């Protein structure tokens, strides 16, 4: 059962305070914007979106957390998620950056 502490008593982590709420008062669904290698590129991309006041959550893909503990990073990268209502805006910003999503 889910409560204020998350699922089974684990605290929710990584959800920015400015994450929007839906009409029921729950946090809006996250939507994937891009998947990048862990490190400075992912950090800079997340920081750029946050500079435009778009909240970002970083989620390690597939074996992410386990691989990070064992190897220091995940071969699958990190997914950058934004509120579903801001997904198109975030993608537009990434596409407008030289070397962005449209040039991969």
PDB file of N, CA and C in Angstrom:
ATOM      1  N   UNK A   1       0.839  -1.181   0.000  1.00  0.00           N
ATOM      2  CA  UNK A   1       0.000   0.000   0.000  1.00  0.00           C
ATOM      3  C   UNK A   1       0.881   1.241   0.000  1.00  0.00           C
ATOM      4  N   UNK A   2       0.485   2.217  -0.753  1.00  0.00           N
ATOM      5  CA  UNK A   2       1.273   3.445  -0.872  1.00  0.00           C
ATOM      6  C   UNK A   2       0.785   4.469   0.144  1.00  0.00           C
ATOM      7  N   UNK A   3       1.733   5.180   0.755  1.00  0.00           N
ATOM      8  CA  UNK A   3       1.397   6.229   1.708  1.00  0.00           C
ATOM      9  C   UNK A   3       2.321   7.418   1.465  1.00  0.00           C
ATOM     10  N   UNK A   4       2.352   8.358   2.400  1.00  0.00           N
ATOM     11  CA  UNK A   4       3.195   9.544   2.232  1.00  0.00           C
ATOM     12  C   UNK A   4       4.674   9.213   2.175  1.00  0.00           C
ATOM     13  N   UNK A   5       5.068   8.079   2.731  1.00  0.00           N
ATOM     14  CA  UNK A   5       6.469   7.678   2.725  1.00  0.00           C
ATOM     15  C   UNK A   5       6.836   6.902   1.470  1.00  0.00           C
ATOM     16  N   UNK A   6       5.879   6.646   0.590  1.00  0.00           N
ATOM     17  CA  UNK A   6       6.164   5.882  -0.620  1.00  0.00           C
ATOM     18  C   UNK A   6       5.561   4.505  -0.512  1.00  0.00           C
ATOM     19  N   UNK A   7       6.201   3.532  -1.138  1.00  0.00           N
ATOM     20  CA  UNK A   7       5.707   2.166  -1.135  1.00  0.00           C
ATOM     21  C   UNK A   7       6.447   1.385  -0.063  1.00  0.00           C
ATOM     22  N   UNK A   8       5.721   0.662   0.776  1.00  0.00           N
ATOM     23  CA  UNK A   8       6.280  -0.168   1.847  1.00  0.00           C
ATOM     24  C   UNK A   8       7.214   0.601   2.759  1.00  0.00           C
ATOM     25  N   UNK A   9       6.916   1.859   3.012  1.00  0.00           N
ATOM     26  CA  UNK A   9       7.696   2.644   3.951  1.00  0.00           C
ATOM     27  C   UNK A   9       8.963   3.251   3.405  1.00  0.00           C
ATOM     28  N   UNK A  10       9.304   2.982   2.147  1.00  0.00           N
ATOM     29  CA  UNK A  10      10.494   3.594   1.565  1.00  0.00           C
ATOM     30  C   UNK A  10      10.177   5.030   1.162  1.00  0.00           C
ATOM     31  N   UNK A  11      11.022   5.948   1.541  1.00  0.00           N
ATOM     32  CA  UNK A  11      10.795   7.356   1.208  1.00  0.00           C
ATOM     33  C   UNK A  11      10.981   7.582  -0.281  1.00  0.00           C
ATOM     34  N   UNK A  12      10.174   8.452  -0.843  1.00  0.00           N
ATOM     35  CA  UNK A  12      10.332   8.826  -2.245  1.00  0.00           C
ATOM     36  C   UNK A  12      11.551   9.719  -2.363  1.00  0.00           C
ATOM     37  N   UNK A  13      12.354   9.457  -3.369  1.00  0.00           N
ATOM     38  CA  UNK A  13      13.556  10.253  -3.572  1.00  0.00           C
ATOM     39  C   UNK A  13      13.591  10.738  -5.004  1.00  0.00           C
ATOM     40  N   UNK A  14      14.173  11.902  -5.196  1.00  0.00           N
ATOM     41  CA  UNK A  14      14.404  12.388  -6.541  1.00  0.00           C
ATOM     42  C   UNK A  14      13.259  13.167  -7.161  1.00  0.00           C
ATOM     43  N   UNK A  15      12.105  13.247  -6.509  1.00  0.00           N
ATOM     44  CA  UNK A  15      10.986  13.995  -7.061  1.00  0.00           C
ATOM     45  C   UNK A  15      11.158  15.468  -6.674  1.00  0.00           C
ATOM     46  N   UNK A  16      11.388  16.327  -7.679  1.00  0.00           N
ATOM     47  CA  UNK A  16      11.584  17.748  -7.369  1.00  0.00           C
ATOM     48  C   UNK A  16      10.357  18.355  -6.698  1.00  0.00           C
ATOM     49  N   UNK A  17      10.605  19.340  -5.846  1.00  0.00           N
ATOM     50  CA  UNK A  17       9.503  20.005  -5.139  1.00  0.00           C
ATOM     51  C   UNK A  17       8.562  20.728  -6.089  1.00  0.00           C
ATOM     52  N   UNK A  18       9.072  21.148  -7.260  1.00  0.00           N
ATOM     53  CA  UNK A  18       8.223  21.883  -8.197  1.00  0.00           C
ATOM     54  C   UNK A  18       7.516  20.966  -9.199  1.00  0.00           C
ATOM     55  N   UNK A  19       7.492  19.649  -8.939  1.00  0.00           N
ATOM     56  CA  UNK A  19       6.794  18.708  -9.810  1.00  0.00           C
ATOM     57  C   UNK A  19       5.300  19.002  -9.726  1.00  0.00           C
ATOM     58  N   UNK A  20       4.621  19.163 -10.859  1.00  0.00           N
ATOM     59  CA  UNK A  20       3.192  19.524 -10.815  1.00  0.00           C
ATOM     60  C   UNK A  20       2.315  18.367 -10.340  1.00  0.00           C
ATOM     61  N   UNK A  21       1.162  18.731  -9.814  1.00  0.00           N
ATOM     62  CA  UNK A  21       0.180  17.761  -9.358  1.00  0.00           C
ATOM     63  C   UNK A  21      -0.952  17.678 -10.380  1.00  0.00           C
ATOM     64  N   UNK A  22      -1.566  16.496 -10.477  1.00  0.00           N
ATOM     65  CA  UNK A  22      -2.704  16.355 -11.382  1.00  0.00           C
ATOM     66  C   UNK A  22      -3.974  16.845 -10.686  1.00  0.00           C
ATOM     67  N   UNK A  23      -5.104  16.653 -11.327  1.00  0.00           N
ATOM     68  CA  UNK A  23      -6.367  17.166 -10.786  1.00  0.00           C
ATOM     69  C   UNK A  23      -6.792  16.472  -9.489  1.00  0.00           C
ATOM     70  N   UNK A  24      -6.216  15.301  -9.194  1.00  0.00           N
ATOM     71  CA  UNK A  24      -6.533  14.603  -7.945  1.00  0.00           C
ATOM     72  C   UNK A  24      -5.566  14.953  -6.819  1.00  0.00           C
ATOM     73  N   UNK A  25      -4.558  15.777  -7.118  1.00  0.00           N
ATOM     74  CA  UNK A  25      -3.586  16.172  -6.114  1.00  0.00           C
ATOM     75  C   UNK A  25      -2.381  15.261  -6.020  1.00  0.00           C
ATOM     76  N   UNK A  26      -2.296  14.271  -6.906  1.00  0.00           N
ATOM     77  CA  UNK A  26      -1.136  13.375  -6.927  1.00  0.00           C
ATOM     78  C   UNK A  26      -0.118  13.887  -7.935  1.00  0.00           C
ATOM     79  N   UNK A  27       1.161  13.536  -7.759  1.00  0.00           N
ATOM     80  CA  UNK A  27       2.174  13.979  -8.723  1.00  0.00           C
ATOM     81  C   UNK A  27       1.824  13.518 -10.139  1.00  0.00           C
ATOM     82  N   UNK A  28       1.986  14.425 -11.086  1.00  0.00           N
ATOM     83  CA  UNK A  28       1.718  14.127 -12.488  1.00  0.00           C
ATOM     84  C   UNK A  28       2.617  12.990 -12.966  1.00  0.00           C
ATOM     85  N   UNK A  29       2.130  12.200 -13.926  1.00  0.00           N
ATOM     86  CA  UNK A  29       2.899  11.094 -14.467  1.00  0.00           C
ATOM     87  C   UNK A  29       4.175  11.595 -15.133  1.00  0.00           C
ATOM     88  N   UNK A  30       5.310  10.915 -14.906  1.00  0.00           N
ATOM     89  CA  UNK A  30       6.543  11.278 -15.597  1.00  0.00           C
ATOM     90  C   UNK A  30       6.535  10.727 -17.017  1.00  0.00           C
ATOM     91  N   UNK A  31       7.192  11.437 -17.923  1.00  0.00           N
ATOM     92  CA  UNK A  31       7.305  11.023 -19.317  1.00  0.00           C
ATOM     93  C   UNK A  31       8.773  11.094 -19.719  1.00  0.00           C
ATOM     94  N   UNK A  32       9.251  10.056 -20.402  1.00  0.00           N
ATOM     95  CA  UNK A  32      10.643  10.002 -20.839  1.00  0.00           C
ATOM     96  C   UNK A  32      10.892  11.039 -21.930  1.00  0.00           C
ATOM     97  N   UNK A  33      11.954  11.822 -21.758  1.00  0.00           N
ATOM     98  CA  UNK A  33      12.361  12.796 -22.759  1.00  0.00           C
ATOM     99  C   UNK A  33      13.535  12.259 -23.564  1.00  0.00           C
ATOM    100  N   UNK A  34      14.510  11.694 -22.868  1.00  0.00           N
ATOM    101  CA  UNK A  34      15.684  11.149 -23.551  1.00  0.00           C
ATOM    102  C   UNK A  34      16.393  10.174 -22.638  1.00  0.00           C
ATOM    103  N   UNK A  35      17.207   9.337 -23.226  1.00  0.00           N
ATOM    104  CA  UNK A  35      18.066   8.415 -22.488  1.00  0.00           C
ATOM    105  C   UNK A  35      19.503   8.736 -22.887  1.00  0.00           C
ATOM    106  N   UNK A  36      20.358   9.003 -21.912  1.00  0.00           N
ATOM    107  CA  UNK A  36      21.740   9.418 -22.178  1.00  0.00           C
ATOM    108  C   UNK A  36      22.702   8.597 -21.343  1.00  0.00           C
ATOM    109  N   UNK A  37      23.970   8.550 -21.754  1.00  0.00           N
ATOM    110  CA  UNK A  37      24.969   7.911 -20.894  1.00  0.00           C
ATOM    111  C   UNK A  37      25.076   8.675 -19.579  1.00  0.00           C
ATOM    112  N   UNK A  38      25.332   7.949 -18.509  1.00  0.00           N
ATOM    113  CA  UNK A  38      25.510   8.608 -17.213  1.00  0.00           C
ATOM    114  C   UNK A  38      26.726   9.522 -17.284  1.00  0.00           C
ATOM    115  N   UNK A  39      26.669  10.613 -16.575  1.00  0.00           N
ATOM    116  CA  UNK A  39      27.814  11.502 -16.528  1.00  0.00           C
ATOM    117  C   UNK A  39      27.454  12.918 -16.891  1.00  0.00           C
ATOM    118  N   UNK A  40      28.447  13.635 -17.409  1.00  0.00           N
ATOM    119  CA  UNK A  40      28.294  15.073 -17.610  1.00  0.00           C
ATOM    120  C   UNK A  40      27.240  15.431 -18.648  1.00  0.00           C
ATOM    121  N   UNK A  41      27.082  14.648 -19.720  1.00  0.00           N
ATOM    122  CA  UNK A  41      26.068  14.971 -20.726  1.00  0.00           C
ATOM    123  C   UNK A  41      24.666  14.898 -20.126  1.00  0.00           C
ATOM    124  N   UNK A  42      24.390  13.864 -19.370  1.00  0.00           N
ATOM    125  CA  UNK A  42      23.088  13.740 -18.716  1.00  0.00           C
ATOM    126  C   UNK A  42      22.886  14.863 -17.706  1.00  0.00           C
ATOM    127  N   UNK A  43      23.929  15.187 -16.952  1.00  0.00           N
ATOM    128  CA  UNK A  43      23.835  16.264 -15.963  1.00  0.00           C
ATOM    129  C   UNK A  43      23.579  17.609 -16.631  1.00  0.00           C
ATOM    130  N   UNK A  44      24.313  17.899 -17.700  1.00  0.00           N
ATOM    131  CA  UNK A  44      24.130  19.186 -18.386  1.00  0.00           C
ATOM    132  C   UNK A  44      22.744  19.283 -19.016  1.00  0.00           C
ATOM    133  N   UNK A  45      22.263  18.180 -19.581  1.00  0.00           N
ATOM    134  CA  UNK A  45      20.939  18.191 -20.199  1.00  0.00           C
ATOM    135  C   UNK A  45      19.862  18.419 -19.148  1.00  0.00           C
ATOM    136  N   UNK A  46      19.958  17.725 -18.026  1.00  0.00           N
ATOM    137  CA  UNK A  46      18.998  17.919 -16.940  1.00  0.00           C
ATOM    138  C   UNK A  46      19.068  19.342 -16.409  1.00  0.00           C
ATOM    139  N   UNK A  47      20.279  19.876 -16.257  1.00  0.00           N
ATOM    140  CA  UNK A  47      20.428  21.249 -15.767  1.00  0.00           C
ATOM    141  C   UNK A  47      19.827  22.259 -16.730  1.00  0.00           C
ATOM    142  N   UNK A  48      19.954  22.017 -18.053  1.00  0.00           N
ATOM    143  CA  UNK A  48      19.365  22.924 -19.031  1.00  0.00           C
ATOM    144  C   UNK A  48      17.839  22.933 -18.903  1.00  0.00           C
ATOM    145  N   UNK A  49      17.252  21.745 -18.790  1.00  0.00           N
ATOM    146  CA  UNK A  49      15.796  21.678 -18.647  1.00  0.00           C
ATOM    147  C   UNK A  49      15.345  22.358 -17.362  1.00  0.00           C
ATOM    148  N   UNK A  50      16.080  22.143 -16.277  1.00  0.00           N
ATOM    149  CA  UNK A  50      15.743  22.786 -15.005  1.00  0.00           C
ATOM    150  C   UNK A  50      15.887  24.299 -15.087  1.00  0.00           C
ATOM    151  N   UNK A  51      16.826  24.788 -15.901  1.00  0.00           N
ATOM    152  CA  UNK A  51      16.985  26.235 -16.092  1.00  0.00           C
ATOM    153  C   UNK A  51      15.753  26.837 -16.747  1.00  0.00           C
ATOM    154  N   UNK A  52      15.026  26.040 -17.522  1.00  0.00           N
ATOM    155  CA  UNK A  52      13.770  26.479 -18.133  1.00  0.00           C
ATOM    156  C   UNK A  52      12.577  26.136 -17.246  1.00  0.00           C
ATOM    157  N   UNK A  53      12.832  25.851 -15.993  1.00  0.00           N
ATOM    158  CA  UNK A  53      11.820  25.549 -14.980  1.00  0.00           C
ATOM    159  C   UNK A  53      11.021  24.290 -15.320  1.00  0.00           C
ATOM    160  N   UNK A  54      11.678  23.321 -15.959  1.00  0.00           N
ATOM    161  CA  UNK A  54      11.068  22.027 -16.231  1.00  0.00           C
ATOM    162  C   UNK A  54      11.666  21.038 -15.240  1.00  0.00           C
ATOM    163  N   UNK A  55      10.860  20.497 -14.328  1.00  0.00           N
ATOM    164  CA  UNK A  55      11.387  19.543 -13.354  1.00  0.00           C
ATOM    165  C   UNK A  55      11.862  18.267 -14.052  1.00  0.00           C
ATOM    166  N   UNK A  56      12.951  17.713 -13.568  1.00  0.00           N
ATOM    167  CA  UNK A  56      13.547  16.517 -14.173  1.00  0.00           C
ATOM    168  C   UNK A  56      13.824  15.476 -13.092  1.00  0.00           C
ATOM    169  N   UNK A  57      13.530  14.218 -13.431  1.00  0.00           N
ATOM    170  CA  UNK A  57      13.888  13.090 -12.587  1.00  0.00           C
ATOM    171  C   UNK A  57      14.792  12.202 -13.414  1.00  0.00           C
ATOM    172  N   UNK A  58      15.919  11.802 -12.836  1.00  0.00           N
ATOM    173  CA  UNK A  58      16.867  10.902 -13.505  1.00  0.00           C
ATOM    174  C   UNK A  58      16.625   9.484 -12.986  1.00  0.00           C
ATOM    175  N   UNK A  59      16.405   8.552 -13.918  1.00  0.00           N
ATOM    176  CA  UNK A  59      16.167   7.164 -13.530  1.00  0.00           C
ATOM    177  C   UNK A  59      17.114   6.273 -14.324  1.00  0.00           C
ATOM    178  N   UNK A  60      17.923   5.497 -13.607  1.00  0.00           N
ATOM    179  CA  UNK A  60      18.829   4.564 -14.266  1.00  0.00           C
ATOM    180  C   UNK A  60      18.015   3.513 -14.992  1.00  0.00           C
ATOM    181  N   UNK A  61      18.416   3.198 -16.214  1.00  0.00           N
ATOM    182  CA  UNK A  61      17.683   2.261 -17.043  1.00  0.00           C
ATOM    183  C   UNK A  61      18.094   0.827 -16.745  1.00  0.00           C
ATOM    184  N   UNK A  62      17.176  -0.099 -16.905  1.00  0.00           N
ATOM    185  CA  UNK A  62      17.330  -1.548 -16.754  1.00  0.00           C
ATOM    186  C   UNK A  62      18.047  -1.925 -15.473  1.00  0.00           C
ATOM    187  N   UNK A  63      19.308  -2.316 -15.527  1.00  0.00           N
ATOM    188  CA  UNK A  63      20.025  -2.785 -14.344  1.00  0.00           C
ATOM    189  C   UNK A  63      20.669  -1.641 -13.568  1.00  0.00           C
ATOM    190  N   UNK A  64      20.306  -0.425 -13.874  1.00  0.00           N
ATOM    191  CA  UNK A  64      20.970   0.777 -13.401  1.00  0.00           C
ATOM    192  C   UNK A  64      21.468   0.807 -11.986  1.00  0.00           C
ATOM    193  N   UNK A  65      20.592   0.665 -11.000  1.00  0.00           N
ATOM    194  CA  UNK A  65      21.017   0.802  -9.612  1.00  0.00           C
ATOM    195  C   UNK A  65      21.996  -0.299  -9.227  1.00  0.00           C
ATOM    196  N   UNK A  66      21.702  -1.518  -9.626  1.00  0.00           N
ATOM    197  CA  UNK A  66      22.575  -2.648  -9.307  1.00  0.00           C
ATOM    198  C   UNK A  66      23.955  -2.461  -9.942  1.00  0.00           C
ATOM    199  N   UNK A  67      23.981  -2.083 -11.226  1.00  0.00           N
ATOM    200  CA  UNK A  67      25.254  -1.896 -11.931  1.00  0.00           C
ATOM    201  C   UNK A  67      26.046  -0.733 -11.338  1.00  0.00           C
ATOM    202  N   UNK A  68      25.352   0.313 -10.921  1.00  0.00           N
ATOM    203  CA  UNK A  68      26.057   1.459 -10.332  1.00  0.00           C
ATOM    204  C   UNK A  68      26.747   1.052  -9.034  1.00  0.00           C
ATOM    205  N   UNK A  69      26.117   0.176  -8.258  1.00  0.00           N
ATOM    206  CA  UNK A  69      26.735  -0.279  -7.014  1.00  0.00           C
ATOM    207  C   UNK A  69      27.969  -1.123  -7.331  1.00  0.00           C
ATOM    208  N   UNK A  70      27.845  -2.021  -8.294  1.00  0.00           N
ATOM    209  CA  UNK A  70      28.951  -2.924  -8.613  1.00  0.00           C
ATOM    210  C   UNK A  70      30.065  -2.278  -9.431  1.00  0.00           C
ATOM    211  N   UNK A  71      29.682  -1.507 -10.457  1.00  0.00           N
ATOM    212  CA  UNK A  71      30.662  -1.016 -11.433  1.00  0.00           C
ATOM    213  C   UNK A  71      30.861   0.499 -11.436  1.00  0.00           C
ATOM    214  N   UNK A  72      30.035   1.232 -10.714  1.00  0.00           N
ATOM    215  CA  UNK A  72      30.166   2.682 -10.688  1.00  0.00           C
ATOM    216  C   UNK A  72      29.321   3.397 -11.719  1.00  0.00           C
ATOM    217  N   UNK A  73      28.828   2.681 -12.728  1.00  0.00           N
ATOM    218  CA  UNK A  73      27.924   3.264 -13.717  1.00  0.00           C
ATOM    219  C   UNK A  73      27.185   2.142 -14.426  1.00  0.00           C
ATOM    220  N   UNK A  74      26.140   2.510 -15.138  1.00  0.00           N
ATOM    221  CA  UNK A  74      25.328   1.547 -15.861  1.00  0.00           C
ATOM    222  C   UNK A  74      25.588   1.674 -17.354  1.00  0.00           C
ATOM    223  N   UNK A  75      25.701   0.553 -18.027  1.00  0.00           N
ATOM    224  CA  UNK A  75      25.896   0.561 -19.485  1.00  0.00           C
ATOM    225  C   UNK A  75      24.635   1.002 -20.209  1.00  0.00           C
ATOM    226  N   UNK A  76      23.496   1.004 -19.522  1.00  0.00           N
ATOM    227  CA  UNK A  76      22.224   1.352 -20.152  1.00  0.00           C
ATOM    228  C   UNK A  76      21.894   2.835 -20.049  1.00  0.00           C
ATOM    229  N   UNK A  77      22.651   3.576 -19.303  1.00  0.00           N
ATOM    230  CA  UNK A  77      22.444   5.011 -19.215  1.00  0.00           C
ATOM    231  C   UNK A  77      21.370   5.405 -18.218  1.00  0.00           C
ATOM    232  N   UNK A  78      20.993   6.653 -18.334  1.00  0.00           N
ATOM    233  CA  UNK A  78      20.008   7.231 -17.425  1.00  0.00           C
ATOM    234  C   UNK A  78      18.907   7.877 -18.252  1.00  0.00           C
ATOM    235  N   UNK A  79      17.679   7.631 -17.858  1.00  0.00           N
ATOM    236  CA  UNK A  79      16.534   8.254 -18.514  1.00  0.00           C
ATOM    237  C   UNK A  79      16.204   9.561 -17.825  1.00  0.00           C
ATOM    238  N   UNK A  80      15.957  10.590 -18.609  1.00  0.00           N
ATOM    239  CA  UNK A  80      15.523  11.868 -18.053  1.00  0.00           C
ATOM    240  C   UNK A  80      14.014  11.970 -18.256  1.00  0.00           C
ATOM    241  N   UNK A  81      13.298  12.074 -17.149  1.00  0.00           N
ATOM    242  CA  UNK A  81      11.846  12.125 -17.166  1.00  0.00           C
ATOM    243  C   UNK A  81      11.381  13.503 -16.708  1.00  0.00           C
ATOM    244  N   UNK A  82      10.332  14.001 -17.352  1.00  0.00           N
ATOM    245  CA  UNK A  82       9.723  15.282 -17.006  1.00  0.00           C
ATOM    246  C   UNK A  82       8.230  15.040 -16.823  1.00  0.00           C
ATOM    247  N   UNK A  83       7.490  16.002 -16.254  1.00  0.00           N
ATOM    248  CA  UNK A  83       6.038  15.825 -16.176  1.00  0.00           C
ATOM    249  C   UNK A  83       5.457  15.652 -17.587  1.00  0.00           C
ATOM    250  N   UNK A  84       4.477  14.778 -17.715  1.00  0.00           N
ATOM    251  CA  UNK A  84       3.893  14.488 -19.027  1.00  0.00           C
ATOM    252  C   UNK A  84       3.406  15.754 -19.733  1.00  0.00           C
ATOM    253  N   UNK A  85       2.904  16.714 -18.974  1.00  0.00           N
ATOM    254  CA  UNK A  85       2.396  17.952 -19.581  1.00  0.00           C
ATOM    255  C   UNK A  85       3.509  18.835 -20.148  1.00  0.00           C
ATOM    256  N   UNK A  86       4.758  18.563 -19.793  1.00  0.00           N
ATOM    257  CA  UNK A  86       5.895  19.375 -20.265  1.00  0.00           C
ATOM    258  C   UNK A  86       6.794  18.608 -21.227  1.00  0.00           C
ATOM    259  N   UNK A  87       6.412  17.366 -21.597  1.00  0.00           N
ATOM    260  CA  UNK A  87       7.253  16.515 -22.431  1.00  0.00           C
ATOM    261  C   UNK A  87       7.548  17.141 -23.792  1.00  0.00           C
ATOM    262  N   UNK A  88       6.554  17.632 -24.481  1.00  0.00           N
ATOM    263  CA  UNK A  88       6.771  18.221 -25.814  1.00  0.00           C
ATOM    264  C   UNK A  88       7.647  19.468 -25.736  1.00  0.00           C
ATOM    265  N   UNK A  89       7.437  20.289 -24.720  1.00  0.00           N
ATOM    266  CA  UNK A  89       8.267  21.480 -24.529  1.00  0.00           C
ATOM    267  C   UNK A  89       9.722  21.083 -24.306  1.00  0.00           C
ATOM    268  N   UNK A  90       9.938  20.070 -23.469  1.00  0.00           N
ATOM    269  CA  UNK A  90      11.299  19.611 -23.185  1.00  0.00           C
ATOM    270  C   UNK A  90      11.954  19.050 -24.440  1.00  0.00           C
ATOM    271  N   UNK A  91      11.228  18.255 -25.201  1.00  0.00           N
ATOM    272  CA  UNK A  91      11.790  17.717 -26.450  1.00  0.00           C
ATOM    273  C   UNK A  91      12.125  18.833 -27.431  1.00  0.00           C
ATOM    274  N   UNK A  92      11.284  19.839 -27.506  1.00  0.00           N
ATOM    275  CA  UNK A  92      11.552  20.976 -28.375  1.00  0.00           C
ATOM    276  C   UNK A  92      12.834  21.696 -27.983  1.00  0.00           C
ATOM    277  N   UNK A  93      13.046  21.858 -26.687  1.00  0.00           N
ATOM    278  CA  UNK A  93      14.275  22.496 -26.222  1.00  0.00           C
ATOM    279  C   UNK A  93      15.500  21.670 -26.596  1.00  0.00           C
ATOM    280  N   UNK A  94      15.413  20.355 -26.415  1.00  0.00           N
ATOM    281  CA  UNK A  94      16.546  19.494 -26.744  1.00  0.00           C
ATOM    282  C   UNK A  94      16.835  19.488 -28.238  1.00  0.00           C
ATOM    283  N   UNK A  95      15.791  19.556 -29.049  1.00  0.00           N
ATOM    284  CA  UNK A  95      15.982  19.571 -30.499  1.00  0.00           C
ATOM    285  C   UNK A  95      16.566  20.893 -30.990  1.00  0.00           C
ATOM    286  N   UNK A  96      16.355  21.971 -30.250  1.00  0.00           N
ATOM    287  CA  UNK A  96      16.847  23.282 -30.666  1.00  0.00           C
ATOM    288  C   UNK A  96      18.317  23.508 -30.343  1.00  0.00           C
ATOM    289  N   UNK A  97      18.892  22.633 -29.509  1.00  0.00           N
ATOM    290  CA  UNK A  97      20.301  22.752 -29.114  1.00  0.00           C
ATOM    291  C   UNK A  97      21.171  22.140 -30.207  1.00  0.00           C
ATOM    292  N   UNK A  98      22.216  22.842 -30.654  1.00  0.00           N
ATOM    293  CA  UNK A  98      23.131  22.237 -31.635  1.00  0.00           C
ATOM    294  C   UNK A  98      23.679  20.916 -31.104  1.00  0.00           C
ATOM    295  N   UNK A  99      23.575  19.867 -31.917  1.00  0.00           N
ATOM    296  CA  UNK A  99      23.997  18.546 -31.482  1.00  0.00           C
ATOM    297  C   UNK A  99      22.961  17.855 -30.628  1.00  0.00           C
ATOM    298  N   UNK A 100      21.742  18.423 -30.584  1.00  0.00           N
ATOM    299  CA  UNK A 100      20.679  17.864 -29.756  1.00  0.00           C
ATOM    300  C   UNK A 100      20.069  16.611 -30.345  1.00  0.00           C
ATOM    301  N   UNK A 101      18.881  16.278 -29.885  1.00  0.00           N
ATOM    302  CA  UNK A 101      18.208  15.044 -30.240  1.00  0.00           C
ATOM    303  C   UNK A 101      18.078  14.829 -31.745  1.00  0.00           C
ATOM    304  N   UNK A 102      17.841  15.902 -32.504  1.00  0.00           N
ATOM    305  CA  UNK A 102      17.621  15.719 -33.952  1.00  0.00           C
ATOM    306  C   UNK A 102      18.891  15.439 -34.729  1.00  0.00           C
ATOM    307  N   UNK A 103      20.060  15.589 -34.113  1.00  0.00           N
ATOM    308  CA  UNK A 103      21.310  15.377 -34.806  1.00  0.00           C
ATOM    309  C   UNK A 103      22.014  14.095 -34.399  1.00  0.00           C
ATOM    310  N   UNK A 104      21.336  13.225 -33.687  1.00  0.00           N
ATOM    311  CA  UNK A 104      21.949  11.962 -33.250  1.00  0.00           C
ATOM    312  C   UNK A 104      21.919  10.951 -34.346  1.00  0.00           C
TER     313      UNK A 104
END
